[in-house]
N, C-alpha and C. Protein backbone atom coordinates (compact mmCIF):
# COMPACT_ATOMS: atom_id res chain seq x y z
N UNK A 1 56.10 76.56 97.55
CA UNK A 1 56.66 76.77 98.89
C UNK A 1 57.92 75.94 99.08
N UNK A 2 57.84 74.65 98.67
CA UNK A 2 58.99 73.78 98.84
C UNK A 2 60.19 74.29 98.04
N UNK A 3 59.92 74.80 96.83
CA UNK A 3 60.99 75.34 95.98
C UNK A 3 61.67 76.53 96.65
N UNK A 4 60.86 77.37 97.29
CA UNK A 4 61.41 78.55 97.97
C UNK A 4 62.30 78.14 99.14
N UNK A 5 61.85 77.12 99.88
CA UNK A 5 62.64 76.65 101.03
C UNK A 5 63.98 76.09 100.57
N UNK A 6 63.93 75.27 99.50
CA UNK A 6 65.16 74.68 98.98
C UNK A 6 66.12 75.77 98.50
N UNK A 7 65.58 76.79 97.82
CA UNK A 7 66.40 77.89 97.33
C UNK A 7 67.06 78.64 98.48
N UNK A 8 66.28 78.85 99.55
CA UNK A 8 66.82 79.56 100.71
C UNK A 8 67.95 78.77 101.35
N UNK A 9 67.77 77.44 101.44
CA UNK A 9 68.80 76.59 102.01
C UNK A 9 70.07 76.65 101.18
N UNK A 10 69.91 76.61 99.85
CA UNK A 10 71.07 76.67 98.96
C UNK A 10 71.82 77.98 99.11
N UNK A 11 71.08 79.07 99.24
CA UNK A 11 71.72 80.38 99.41
C UNK A 11 72.51 80.42 100.71
N UNK A 12 71.90 79.87 101.79
CA UNK A 12 72.57 79.86 103.09
C UNK A 12 73.85 79.04 103.04
N UNK A 13 73.77 77.85 102.38
CA UNK A 13 74.93 76.98 102.28
C UNK A 13 76.04 77.65 101.48
N UNK A 14 75.67 78.30 100.36
CA UNK A 14 76.66 78.97 99.53
C UNK A 14 77.30 80.13 100.27
N UNK A 15 76.49 80.87 101.03
CA UNK A 15 77.03 82.01 101.78
C UNK A 15 78.02 81.55 102.83
N UNK A 16 77.68 80.44 103.52
CA UNK A 16 78.57 79.90 104.53
C UNK A 16 79.88 79.45 103.90
N UNK A 17 79.78 78.76 102.76
CA UNK A 17 80.97 78.27 102.08
C UNK A 17 81.87 79.41 101.66
N UNK A 18 81.28 80.48 101.14
CA UNK A 18 82.06 81.63 100.73
C UNK A 18 82.74 82.27 101.93
N UNK A 19 82.03 82.35 103.05
CA UNK A 19 82.61 82.94 104.24
C UNK A 19 83.81 82.17 104.72
N UNK A 20 83.71 80.86 104.73
CA UNK A 20 84.82 80.02 105.16
C UNK A 20 86.01 80.18 104.23
N UNK A 21 85.74 80.22 102.92
CA UNK A 21 86.83 80.37 101.96
C UNK A 21 87.53 81.70 102.16
N UNK A 22 86.76 82.75 102.44
CA UNK A 22 87.33 84.09 102.60
C UNK A 22 88.21 84.16 103.83
N UNK A 23 87.82 83.44 104.89
CA UNK A 23 88.54 83.54 106.15
C UNK A 23 89.68 82.54 106.27
N UNK A 24 89.78 81.61 105.34
CA UNK A 24 90.74 80.54 105.49
C UNK A 24 92.10 80.85 104.88
N UNK A 25 92.85 79.81 104.61
CA UNK A 25 94.20 79.91 104.09
C UNK A 25 94.21 79.36 102.68
N UNK A 26 94.88 80.04 101.76
CA UNK A 26 94.98 79.57 100.39
C UNK A 26 96.13 80.23 99.69
N UNK A 27 96.22 79.99 98.39
CA UNK A 27 97.33 80.55 97.63
C UNK A 27 97.12 82.01 97.26
N UNK A 28 95.88 82.40 97.00
CA UNK A 28 95.62 83.72 96.47
C UNK A 28 94.99 84.63 97.52
N UNK A 29 95.29 85.92 97.42
CA UNK A 29 94.60 86.92 98.22
C UNK A 29 93.15 87.02 97.72
N UNK A 30 92.21 87.38 98.62
CA UNK A 30 90.83 87.62 98.15
C UNK A 30 90.80 88.76 97.15
N UNK A 31 89.78 88.78 96.32
CA UNK A 31 89.61 89.87 95.37
C UNK A 31 88.78 90.97 96.03
N UNK A 32 88.71 92.12 95.38
CA UNK A 32 87.90 93.22 95.90
C UNK A 32 88.74 94.41 96.31
N UNK A 33 88.07 95.49 96.64
CA UNK A 33 88.73 96.73 97.04
C UNK A 33 89.59 96.50 98.28
N UNK A 34 90.80 97.05 98.28
CA UNK A 34 91.69 96.83 99.41
C UNK A 34 92.81 97.85 99.41
N UNK A 35 93.53 97.93 100.55
CA UNK A 35 94.78 98.68 100.65
C UNK A 35 95.89 97.66 100.90
N UNK A 36 97.03 97.82 100.21
CA UNK A 36 98.16 96.92 100.38
C UNK A 36 99.31 97.62 101.10
N UNK A 37 99.79 97.01 102.17
CA UNK A 37 100.98 97.46 102.88
C UNK A 37 102.09 96.45 102.61
N UNK A 38 103.20 96.94 102.04
CA UNK A 38 104.36 96.08 101.78
C UNK A 38 105.41 96.30 102.87
N UNK A 39 105.79 95.22 103.55
CA UNK A 39 106.81 95.29 104.60
C UNK A 39 108.08 94.63 104.06
N UNK A 40 109.08 95.47 103.76
CA UNK A 40 110.31 95.01 103.14
C UNK A 40 111.42 94.92 104.19
N UNK A 41 112.19 93.85 104.14
CA UNK A 41 113.27 93.65 105.10
C UNK A 41 114.60 94.08 104.51
N UNK A 42 115.43 94.72 105.36
CA UNK A 42 116.75 95.18 104.93
C UNK A 42 117.81 94.71 105.91
N UNK A 43 118.96 94.31 105.39
CA UNK A 43 120.05 93.82 106.23
C UNK A 43 120.82 94.97 106.87
N UNK A 44 120.68 96.17 106.36
CA UNK A 44 121.37 97.33 106.90
C UNK A 44 120.37 98.45 107.15
N UNK A 45 120.74 99.38 108.02
CA UNK A 45 119.89 100.54 108.24
C UNK A 45 119.85 101.39 106.98
N UNK A 46 118.69 101.97 106.70
CA UNK A 46 118.51 102.69 105.46
C UNK A 46 118.04 104.11 105.74
N UNK A 47 118.43 105.01 104.84
CA UNK A 47 117.86 106.35 104.82
C UNK A 47 116.83 106.34 103.70
N UNK A 48 115.57 106.09 104.08
CA UNK A 48 114.55 105.82 103.06
C UNK A 48 113.74 107.05 102.68
N UNK A 49 114.07 108.20 103.27
CA UNK A 49 113.38 109.41 102.88
C UNK A 49 112.01 109.53 103.50
N UNK A 50 111.20 110.48 103.03
CA UNK A 50 109.89 110.74 103.62
C UNK A 50 108.92 109.59 103.40
N UNK A 51 107.89 109.54 104.25
CA UNK A 51 106.90 108.49 104.13
C UNK A 51 106.01 108.72 102.92
N UNK A 52 105.96 107.75 102.05
CA UNK A 52 105.11 107.84 100.87
C UNK A 52 104.94 106.43 100.31
N UNK A 53 103.96 106.27 99.46
CA UNK A 53 103.75 104.97 98.85
C UNK A 53 103.20 103.94 99.82
N UNK A 54 103.43 102.67 99.50
CA UNK A 54 102.84 101.57 100.25
C UNK A 54 103.88 100.70 100.94
N UNK A 55 105.14 101.13 101.02
CA UNK A 55 106.20 100.27 101.52
C UNK A 55 106.89 100.86 102.74
N UNK A 56 107.16 100.00 103.73
CA UNK A 56 108.02 100.36 104.85
C UNK A 56 109.13 99.33 104.95
N UNK A 57 110.21 99.67 105.67
CA UNK A 57 111.35 98.80 105.81
C UNK A 57 111.53 98.38 107.26
N UNK A 58 111.89 97.09 107.45
CA UNK A 58 112.12 96.54 108.78
C UNK A 58 113.44 95.79 108.79
N UNK A 59 113.83 95.32 109.96
CA UNK A 59 115.08 94.56 110.08
C UNK A 59 114.95 93.20 109.39
N UNK A 60 116.03 92.78 108.70
CA UNK A 60 116.03 91.49 108.03
C UNK A 60 116.10 90.35 109.04
N UNK A 61 116.88 90.54 110.08
CA UNK A 61 116.96 89.57 111.16
C UNK A 61 116.82 90.32 112.48
N UNK A 62 115.68 90.14 113.14
CA UNK A 62 115.46 90.82 114.41
C UNK A 62 114.07 91.41 114.50
N UNK A 63 113.83 92.14 115.60
CA UNK A 63 112.50 92.68 115.87
C UNK A 63 112.40 94.15 115.49
N UNK A 64 111.24 94.50 114.93
CA UNK A 64 110.89 95.89 114.66
C UNK A 64 109.51 96.14 115.27
N UNK A 65 109.36 97.25 115.96
CA UNK A 65 108.05 97.63 116.46
C UNK A 65 107.34 98.46 115.39
N UNK A 66 106.15 98.01 115.00
CA UNK A 66 105.35 98.75 114.03
C UNK A 66 104.13 99.30 114.77
N UNK A 67 104.14 100.60 115.05
CA UNK A 67 103.04 101.25 115.74
C UNK A 67 101.92 101.54 114.74
N UNK A 68 100.67 101.30 115.17
CA UNK A 68 99.53 101.54 114.30
C UNK A 68 98.51 102.42 115.01
N UNK A 69 97.92 103.32 114.23
CA UNK A 69 96.88 104.21 114.72
C UNK A 69 95.71 104.17 113.75
N UNK A 70 94.58 104.75 114.17
CA UNK A 70 93.43 104.88 113.28
C UNK A 70 92.74 106.21 113.58
N UNK A 71 93.15 107.24 112.86
CA UNK A 71 92.57 108.57 113.05
C UNK A 71 91.21 108.65 112.37
N UNK A 72 90.26 109.31 113.05
CA UNK A 72 88.90 109.42 112.51
C UNK A 72 88.88 110.14 111.17
N UNK A 73 89.76 111.11 110.99
CA UNK A 73 89.80 111.88 109.76
C UNK A 73 91.02 111.53 108.91
N UNK A 74 91.62 110.36 109.17
CA UNK A 74 92.85 109.99 108.48
C UNK A 74 92.61 109.12 107.27
N UNK A 75 93.69 108.59 106.77
CA UNK A 75 93.65 107.69 105.64
C UNK A 75 94.78 106.67 105.79
N UNK A 76 94.83 105.70 104.88
CA UNK A 76 95.95 104.77 104.92
C UNK A 76 97.22 105.53 104.55
N UNK A 77 98.16 105.56 105.48
CA UNK A 77 99.42 106.25 105.20
C UNK A 77 100.51 105.72 106.12
N UNK A 78 101.68 105.50 105.57
CA UNK A 78 102.83 105.10 106.36
C UNK A 78 103.46 106.36 106.93
N UNK A 79 103.38 106.52 108.23
CA UNK A 79 103.84 107.75 108.87
C UNK A 79 105.33 107.71 109.24
N UNK A 80 105.90 106.51 109.33
CA UNK A 80 107.35 106.35 109.50
C UNK A 80 107.72 105.05 108.80
N UNK A 81 108.35 105.18 107.65
CA UNK A 81 108.62 103.97 106.84
C UNK A 81 109.97 103.36 107.11
N UNK A 82 110.81 104.01 107.93
CA UNK A 82 112.14 103.46 108.22
C UNK A 82 112.12 102.71 109.54
N UNK A 83 111.83 101.40 109.46
CA UNK A 83 111.85 100.57 110.66
C UNK A 83 113.18 99.87 110.88
N UNK A 84 114.19 100.17 110.03
CA UNK A 84 115.49 99.54 110.22
C UNK A 84 116.18 100.05 111.48
N UNK A 85 115.67 101.15 112.04
CA UNK A 85 116.19 101.64 113.32
C UNK A 85 115.43 101.07 114.51
N UNK A 86 114.50 100.16 114.22
CA UNK A 86 113.77 99.47 115.28
C UNK A 86 112.32 99.84 115.42
N UNK A 87 111.89 100.95 114.79
CA UNK A 87 110.50 101.39 114.91
C UNK A 87 110.00 101.97 113.59
N UNK A 88 108.72 101.66 113.28
CA UNK A 88 108.03 102.23 112.13
C UNK A 88 106.60 102.50 112.56
N UNK A 89 105.84 103.23 111.73
CA UNK A 89 104.46 103.52 112.11
C UNK A 89 103.57 103.64 110.88
N UNK A 90 102.27 103.41 111.11
CA UNK A 90 101.33 103.28 110.01
C UNK A 90 99.95 103.66 110.51
N UNK A 91 99.22 104.48 109.74
CA UNK A 91 97.85 104.85 110.10
C UNK A 91 96.86 104.13 109.19
N UNK A 92 95.80 103.61 109.81
CA UNK A 92 94.74 102.89 109.10
C UNK A 92 93.55 103.81 108.91
N UNK A 93 92.97 103.81 107.73
CA UNK A 93 91.80 104.64 107.45
C UNK A 93 90.63 104.20 108.33
N UNK A 94 89.68 105.12 108.60
CA UNK A 94 88.52 104.76 109.44
C UNK A 94 87.76 103.56 108.86
N UNK A 95 87.17 102.78 109.75
CA UNK A 95 86.38 101.63 109.33
C UNK A 95 86.88 100.34 109.96
N UNK A 96 86.24 99.24 109.58
CA UNK A 96 86.63 97.90 110.02
C UNK A 96 87.08 97.11 108.80
N UNK A 97 88.04 96.21 109.00
CA UNK A 97 88.66 95.52 107.87
C UNK A 97 88.88 94.05 108.17
N UNK A 98 88.83 93.25 107.10
CA UNK A 98 89.38 91.90 107.14
C UNK A 98 90.80 92.02 106.62
N UNK A 99 91.74 91.39 107.33
CA UNK A 99 93.15 91.61 107.04
C UNK A 99 93.83 90.28 106.72
N UNK A 100 94.57 90.27 105.61
CA UNK A 100 95.26 89.07 105.16
C UNK A 100 96.73 89.39 104.92
N UNK A 101 97.58 88.38 105.05
CA UNK A 101 99.01 88.58 104.84
C UNK A 101 99.62 87.34 104.18
N UNK A 102 100.74 87.57 103.50
CA UNK A 102 101.50 86.45 102.95
C UNK A 102 102.96 86.86 102.82
N UNK A 103 103.84 85.89 103.03
CA UNK A 103 105.27 86.09 102.86
C UNK A 103 105.64 85.79 101.41
N UNK A 104 106.39 86.70 100.81
CA UNK A 104 106.79 86.56 99.42
C UNK A 104 108.31 86.49 99.32
N UNK A 105 108.78 86.29 98.09
CA UNK A 105 110.22 86.21 97.87
C UNK A 105 110.69 84.77 97.75
N UNK A 106 111.99 84.59 97.83
CA UNK A 106 112.60 83.27 97.67
C UNK A 106 112.26 82.37 98.84
N UNK A 107 111.79 81.13 98.57
CA UNK A 107 111.51 80.20 99.67
C UNK A 107 112.76 79.92 100.49
N UNK A 108 112.54 79.75 101.80
CA UNK A 108 113.67 79.48 102.67
C UNK A 108 113.21 79.03 104.04
N UNK A 109 114.15 78.76 104.93
CA UNK A 109 113.81 78.22 106.25
C UNK A 109 113.32 79.27 107.26
N UNK A 110 113.42 80.54 106.92
CA UNK A 110 113.06 81.58 107.87
C UNK A 110 111.56 81.78 107.99
N UNK A 111 111.20 82.84 108.70
CA UNK A 111 109.79 83.15 108.88
C UNK A 111 109.61 84.45 109.64
N UNK A 112 108.38 84.84 109.78
CA UNK A 112 108.02 86.06 110.51
C UNK A 112 107.00 85.70 111.58
N UNK A 113 107.25 86.15 112.80
CA UNK A 113 106.28 86.04 113.88
C UNK A 113 105.80 87.45 114.22
N UNK A 114 104.48 87.67 114.09
CA UNK A 114 103.90 88.97 114.39
C UNK A 114 103.06 88.82 115.65
N UNK A 115 103.41 89.59 116.67
CA UNK A 115 102.66 89.61 117.93
C UNK A 115 102.08 91.00 118.12
N UNK A 116 100.77 91.07 118.30
CA UNK A 116 100.14 92.38 118.51
C UNK A 116 100.00 92.67 119.99
N UNK A 117 100.24 93.93 120.35
CA UNK A 117 100.18 94.38 121.75
C UNK A 117 99.33 95.64 121.84
N UNK A 118 98.66 95.76 122.96
CA UNK A 118 97.91 96.97 123.23
C UNK A 118 98.23 97.51 124.62
N UNK A 119 98.33 98.82 124.72
CA UNK A 119 98.42 99.48 126.02
C UNK A 119 97.04 100.05 126.32
N UNK A 120 96.48 99.68 127.48
CA UNK A 120 95.12 100.06 127.82
C UNK A 120 95.09 100.80 129.16
N UNK A 121 94.20 101.74 129.25
CA UNK A 121 93.96 102.43 130.52
C UNK A 121 93.28 101.47 131.49
N UNK A 122 93.74 101.41 132.74
CA UNK A 122 93.06 100.66 133.78
C UNK A 122 93.28 101.36 135.12
N UNK A 123 92.90 100.72 136.21
CA UNK A 123 92.94 101.39 137.51
C UNK A 123 94.36 101.72 137.95
N UNK A 124 95.36 101.06 137.41
CA UNK A 124 96.75 101.35 137.77
C UNK A 124 97.32 102.51 136.96
N UNK A 125 96.60 102.93 135.95
CA UNK A 125 97.08 103.93 135.01
C UNK A 125 97.05 103.36 133.61
N UNK A 126 97.85 102.31 133.39
CA UNK A 126 97.81 101.61 132.11
C UNK A 126 98.46 100.24 132.26
N UNK A 127 98.14 99.34 131.33
CA UNK A 127 98.74 98.02 131.31
C UNK A 127 98.89 97.56 129.87
N UNK A 128 99.90 96.72 129.63
CA UNK A 128 100.14 96.16 128.30
C UNK A 128 99.59 94.73 128.26
N UNK A 129 98.89 94.41 127.18
CA UNK A 129 98.34 93.08 127.00
C UNK A 129 98.73 92.53 125.62
N UNK A 130 99.19 91.28 125.60
CA UNK A 130 99.39 90.60 124.32
C UNK A 130 98.02 90.23 123.76
N UNK A 131 97.79 90.59 122.49
CA UNK A 131 96.45 90.45 121.92
C UNK A 131 96.31 89.29 120.93
N UNK A 132 97.37 88.97 120.23
CA UNK A 132 97.29 87.89 119.25
C UNK A 132 98.64 87.66 118.60
N UNK A 133 98.76 86.54 117.91
CA UNK A 133 100.02 86.21 117.26
C UNK A 133 99.76 85.38 116.01
N UNK A 134 100.54 85.65 114.96
CA UNK A 134 100.49 84.84 113.74
C UNK A 134 101.92 84.58 113.28
N UNK A 135 102.09 83.49 112.55
CA UNK A 135 103.39 83.15 111.98
C UNK A 135 103.23 83.01 110.47
N UNK A 136 104.18 83.57 109.75
CA UNK A 136 104.20 83.51 108.29
C UNK A 136 105.50 82.88 107.84
N UNK A 137 105.43 81.96 106.89
CA UNK A 137 106.63 81.33 106.35
C UNK A 137 106.56 81.37 104.82
N UNK A 138 107.72 81.32 104.22
CA UNK A 138 107.80 81.25 102.75
C UNK A 138 108.34 79.90 102.38
N UNK A 139 107.42 78.92 102.27
CA UNK A 139 107.79 77.57 101.92
C UNK A 139 107.82 77.40 100.40
N UNK A 140 108.26 76.25 99.95
CA UNK A 140 108.27 75.97 98.52
C UNK A 140 106.84 75.97 97.98
N UNK A 141 106.71 76.28 96.70
CA UNK A 141 105.39 76.35 96.09
C UNK A 141 104.84 77.77 96.14
N UNK A 142 103.56 77.90 95.90
CA UNK A 142 102.94 79.22 95.89
C UNK A 142 102.86 79.79 97.30
N UNK A 143 103.05 81.11 97.44
CA UNK A 143 102.91 81.73 98.76
C UNK A 143 101.52 81.50 99.35
N UNK A 144 101.48 81.24 100.64
CA UNK A 144 100.23 80.97 101.33
C UNK A 144 99.66 82.24 101.95
N UNK A 145 98.38 82.47 101.73
CA UNK A 145 97.68 83.62 102.29
C UNK A 145 97.08 83.24 103.64
N UNK A 146 97.28 84.10 104.64
CA UNK A 146 96.81 83.83 106.00
C UNK A 146 95.90 84.97 106.46
N UNK A 147 94.74 84.61 107.00
CA UNK A 147 93.87 85.60 107.62
C UNK A 147 94.47 85.99 108.97
N UNK A 148 94.74 87.29 109.17
CA UNK A 148 95.36 87.74 110.42
C UNK A 148 94.41 88.64 111.23
N UNK A 149 93.12 88.41 111.08
CA UNK A 149 92.13 89.18 111.84
C UNK A 149 92.36 89.10 113.35
N UNK A 150 92.93 87.98 113.81
CA UNK A 150 93.10 87.80 115.26
C UNK A 150 94.01 88.88 115.87
N UNK A 151 94.79 89.54 115.03
CA UNK A 151 95.64 90.62 115.54
C UNK A 151 94.86 91.89 115.79
N UNK A 152 93.69 92.01 115.17
CA UNK A 152 92.90 93.25 115.23
C UNK A 152 91.56 93.10 115.96
N UNK A 153 90.98 91.91 115.93
CA UNK A 153 89.71 91.65 116.62
C UNK A 153 90.05 90.86 117.87
N UNK A 154 89.91 91.50 119.03
CA UNK A 154 90.56 90.98 120.23
C UNK A 154 89.58 90.80 121.39
N UNK A 155 90.01 89.99 122.35
CA UNK A 155 89.29 89.80 123.61
C UNK A 155 90.09 90.47 124.72
N UNK A 156 89.47 91.40 125.42
CA UNK A 156 90.16 92.16 126.46
C UNK A 156 89.23 92.36 127.65
N UNK A 157 89.75 92.14 128.85
CA UNK A 157 89.04 92.46 130.10
C UNK A 157 89.89 93.43 130.90
N UNK A 158 89.27 94.54 131.32
CA UNK A 158 89.99 95.58 132.04
C UNK A 158 89.27 95.92 133.32
N UNK A 159 90.04 96.20 134.35
CA UNK A 159 89.49 96.69 135.61
C UNK A 159 89.77 98.19 135.69
N UNK A 160 88.70 98.97 135.73
CA UNK A 160 88.84 100.43 135.72
C UNK A 160 88.82 101.03 137.12
N UNK A 161 88.29 100.30 138.07
CA UNK A 161 88.25 100.80 139.46
C UNK A 161 88.39 99.59 140.39
N UNK A 162 89.33 99.69 141.34
CA UNK A 162 89.67 98.52 142.16
C UNK A 162 89.66 98.88 143.64
N UNK A 163 89.04 98.03 144.42
CA UNK A 163 88.99 98.19 145.87
C UNK A 163 90.11 97.33 146.47
N UNK A 164 91.22 97.97 146.83
CA UNK A 164 92.37 97.22 147.34
C UNK A 164 92.12 96.64 148.72
N UNK A 165 91.27 97.28 149.52
CA UNK A 165 90.99 96.79 150.87
C UNK A 165 90.29 95.45 150.80
N UNK A 166 89.29 95.36 149.92
CA UNK A 166 88.52 94.12 149.82
C UNK A 166 88.96 93.23 148.65
N UNK A 167 90.02 93.67 147.94
CA UNK A 167 90.59 92.89 146.84
C UNK A 167 89.52 92.52 145.82
N UNK A 168 88.81 93.53 145.30
CA UNK A 168 87.75 93.28 144.34
C UNK A 168 87.70 94.41 143.32
N UNK A 169 87.41 94.04 142.09
CA UNK A 169 87.26 95.04 141.03
C UNK A 169 85.85 95.62 141.10
N UNK A 170 85.76 96.92 141.15
CA UNK A 170 84.46 97.59 141.26
C UNK A 170 83.87 97.96 139.90
N UNK A 171 84.72 98.06 138.90
CA UNK A 171 84.25 98.45 137.57
C UNK A 171 85.06 97.71 136.52
N UNK A 172 84.48 96.63 136.01
CA UNK A 172 85.17 95.79 135.02
C UNK A 172 84.47 95.89 133.68
N UNK A 173 85.26 95.98 132.61
CA UNK A 173 84.70 96.03 131.26
C UNK A 173 85.35 94.92 130.44
N UNK A 174 84.53 94.23 129.63
CA UNK A 174 85.02 93.13 128.81
C UNK A 174 84.64 93.35 127.36
N UNK A 175 85.59 93.12 126.47
CA UNK A 175 85.36 93.21 125.04
C UNK A 175 85.63 91.84 124.43
N UNK A 176 84.76 91.43 123.52
CA UNK A 176 84.93 90.13 122.85
C UNK A 176 84.91 90.34 121.34
N UNK A 177 85.95 89.85 120.68
CA UNK A 177 86.08 89.96 119.22
C UNK A 177 85.83 91.40 118.76
N UNK A 178 86.45 92.34 119.48
CA UNK A 178 86.24 93.77 119.22
C UNK A 178 87.38 94.31 118.36
N UNK A 179 87.01 95.11 117.34
CA UNK A 179 88.01 95.83 116.57
C UNK A 179 88.81 96.68 117.54
N UNK A 180 90.12 96.48 117.58
CA UNK A 180 90.92 97.02 118.67
C UNK A 180 90.83 98.54 118.79
N UNK A 181 90.68 99.24 117.68
CA UNK A 181 90.64 100.70 117.73
C UNK A 181 89.28 101.23 118.18
N UNK A 182 88.31 100.34 118.36
CA UNK A 182 87.01 100.74 118.92
C UNK A 182 86.99 100.67 120.44
N UNK A 183 88.04 100.12 121.03
CA UNK A 183 88.10 100.00 122.49
C UNK A 183 88.46 101.36 123.08
N UNK A 184 87.56 101.90 123.87
CA UNK A 184 87.70 103.25 124.40
C UNK A 184 88.96 103.41 125.23
N UNK A 185 89.36 102.35 125.92
CA UNK A 185 90.50 102.43 126.84
C UNK A 185 91.85 102.23 126.15
N UNK A 186 91.85 102.00 124.84
CA UNK A 186 93.11 101.78 124.12
C UNK A 186 93.95 103.06 124.11
N UNK A 187 95.20 102.94 124.53
CA UNK A 187 96.13 104.06 124.50
C UNK A 187 97.15 103.93 123.36
N UNK A 188 97.53 102.69 123.06
CA UNK A 188 98.55 102.46 122.04
C UNK A 188 98.45 101.03 121.53
N UNK A 189 98.70 100.85 120.23
CA UNK A 189 98.65 99.53 119.61
C UNK A 189 99.88 99.38 118.73
N UNK A 190 100.54 98.21 118.83
CA UNK A 190 101.70 98.00 117.97
C UNK A 190 101.92 96.51 117.72
N UNK A 191 102.74 96.23 116.69
CA UNK A 191 103.19 94.87 116.41
C UNK A 191 104.65 94.72 116.83
N UNK A 192 104.98 93.60 117.46
CA UNK A 192 106.36 93.13 117.51
C UNK A 192 106.55 92.26 116.27
N UNK A 193 107.29 92.79 115.32
CA UNK A 193 107.49 92.11 114.04
C UNK A 193 108.87 91.47 114.07
N UNK A 194 108.90 90.14 114.29
CA UNK A 194 110.14 89.39 114.47
C UNK A 194 110.46 88.65 113.18
N UNK A 195 111.44 89.15 112.45
CA UNK A 195 111.73 88.64 111.11
C UNK A 195 113.02 87.82 111.08
N UNK A 196 112.96 86.70 110.37
CA UNK A 196 114.15 85.89 110.13
C UNK A 196 114.20 85.55 108.64
N UNK A 197 114.99 86.33 107.90
CA UNK A 197 115.32 86.02 106.50
C UNK A 197 114.13 86.07 105.53
N UNK A 198 113.07 86.78 105.86
CA UNK A 198 111.96 86.95 104.92
C UNK A 198 112.05 88.34 104.33
N UNK A 199 112.15 88.41 103.02
CA UNK A 199 112.41 89.68 102.34
C UNK A 199 111.16 90.57 102.27
N UNK A 200 109.99 89.98 102.08
CA UNK A 200 108.80 90.80 101.86
C UNK A 200 107.57 90.11 102.44
N UNK A 201 106.79 90.87 103.19
CA UNK A 201 105.47 90.44 103.63
C UNK A 201 104.45 91.46 103.10
N UNK A 202 103.42 90.96 102.49
CA UNK A 202 102.36 91.80 101.94
C UNK A 202 101.13 91.66 102.84
N UNK A 203 100.61 92.81 103.29
CA UNK A 203 99.43 92.84 104.16
C UNK A 203 98.32 93.61 103.43
N UNK A 204 97.14 93.04 103.36
CA UNK A 204 96.02 93.70 102.68
C UNK A 204 94.85 93.90 103.63
N UNK A 205 94.25 95.09 103.55
CA UNK A 205 93.10 95.48 104.34
C UNK A 205 91.88 95.59 103.42
N UNK A 206 90.85 94.77 103.70
CA UNK A 206 89.62 94.77 102.90
C UNK A 206 88.47 95.33 103.71
N UNK A 207 87.81 96.40 103.25
CA UNK A 207 86.70 96.98 104.03
C UNK A 207 85.59 95.96 104.24
N UNK A 208 85.02 95.97 105.44
CA UNK A 208 83.89 95.11 105.73
C UNK A 208 82.59 95.77 105.27
């Protein structure tokens, strides 16, 4: 009996340790099945042709909006790969994912700030909410891998019906750590991708 208890404790400790390592920051991307999205920066607007492959282009210095969708019958596909005009788009295959990113290329003083936004239905019609933010830099040494789940698993509170006379919400819904595309009231999801001199960011989606 004592041996079984000790074994169970060891398994629990090892599982916890593995979970922390998977969610943390390190030099290498996790192993396992995944989809890779390459975000390449360009100093000039490009005619990049039809959407194909795993790469999209964004502004080298400035903001690009990257719209994301998740169609029930879709797959991973870049639906607009030319973000040098200010907008690009990408569809995520059905399911839930752990998402990691890292800045690659020549080390330098620049960086990327990614802010995720959602447009949600509410009693006014719709409202925009900032959902999360991450910063990526390409410092000297090996590229650092960052867990960016906070951009996709979000906390949102919405008022769907409001009594203006009594100044009270009659129908409020709250989501905690919810995969953003599972939120029924979601109308639109996008990233403000603010790039300063980073040539390439690699984003990987790992099925849960």
